[in-house]
Amino acid sequence: MGVESHGETVPPQRTGDGPPGSTPHTPDADPPGGRRHGHALAAFGRELTVVVVVALVLSLLIKTFLLQPFWIPSGSMNNTLIYGDRVVVSKLTPGPFELQRGDVIVFTDPGGWLDEPPTHPGPVVKALEFVGLYPAGDNHLIKRLIGLPGDHVKCCTKQGLVTVNGVAIHEPYLKPGDPPSMTKFNITVPPGKVWVMGDNRSNSGDSRYHDDGTGRTGSVPEKDITGRAVAIVWPLDRMSWLSNYSTTFDKVPGP
């Protein structure tokens, strides 16, 4: 029913009614389809950003404390490792786990070992290396650990074998046809250092090549060791675990 005013009946005003000629006001409706689509894209973008950031942080943590990929830049470890192989290196050795004779280790240049100066990758590659999404390699070396700190390492016996603490070792990992060493040496590994040699003994610039006869310049400081190579992960047809051939050294006594 209307409301009487001065004898006239005024119809009740409805919500949204305005002055004559004005546009009626209607309650808010659902946003247009384009606006909804924009909101969905924005939400997806936020979620994707969070996922990417979390993935990068996890990758950085894994690379820093657990595992790091490397590529093989030379043939000094043939045929165990060949040029272009990608390996995964455990950062837990040295650390929670001790180094063992026979380990394949990755280390930074102790000084003058690399034939060429370290490369300086572009910002994108450098960033990917930093978070562990691109394998490092140019500024690192990879060799097999033969002598621990204090070990007496010598070449060679009458049979041409390397000895560690007086015990001759048979090395099945050597490149076929390679002798254990064409270079004679007789050293005691200094404290805090290790003696390393490539599996391709005739083509490896290792501890033998860089030593001054005392073991001081040819041994690698433990602080320069990045970790122990545990597996080949690329190419797929070469995927395998890397052995430290513990039976080769199981009869070697402590220093």
Foldseek 3Di string as FASTA:
>chain_A
DFDDDPNDGDRDDDQQDDPPPDDGDDPDDDDDPVVVVVVVVVVVVVVVVVVVVVVLVVLLVCCVAFKAKAAECAQLQPPLHHHGWIFIFTQVEPPVDDDDQLFKFKFFDPPPLDPDPADDDDPVQVSCRNSRNHHHYRGMHIFGFHFDQFWWWWFDPPVGFIDIQRHGFDDPSAHPPDGPEPATATETAHPQWTFTGHSPRVDTSALRNQDPRHNPRRTHGPVRIRGTTFWGDPDPVRTDGDDSPCVRCVPRDDD
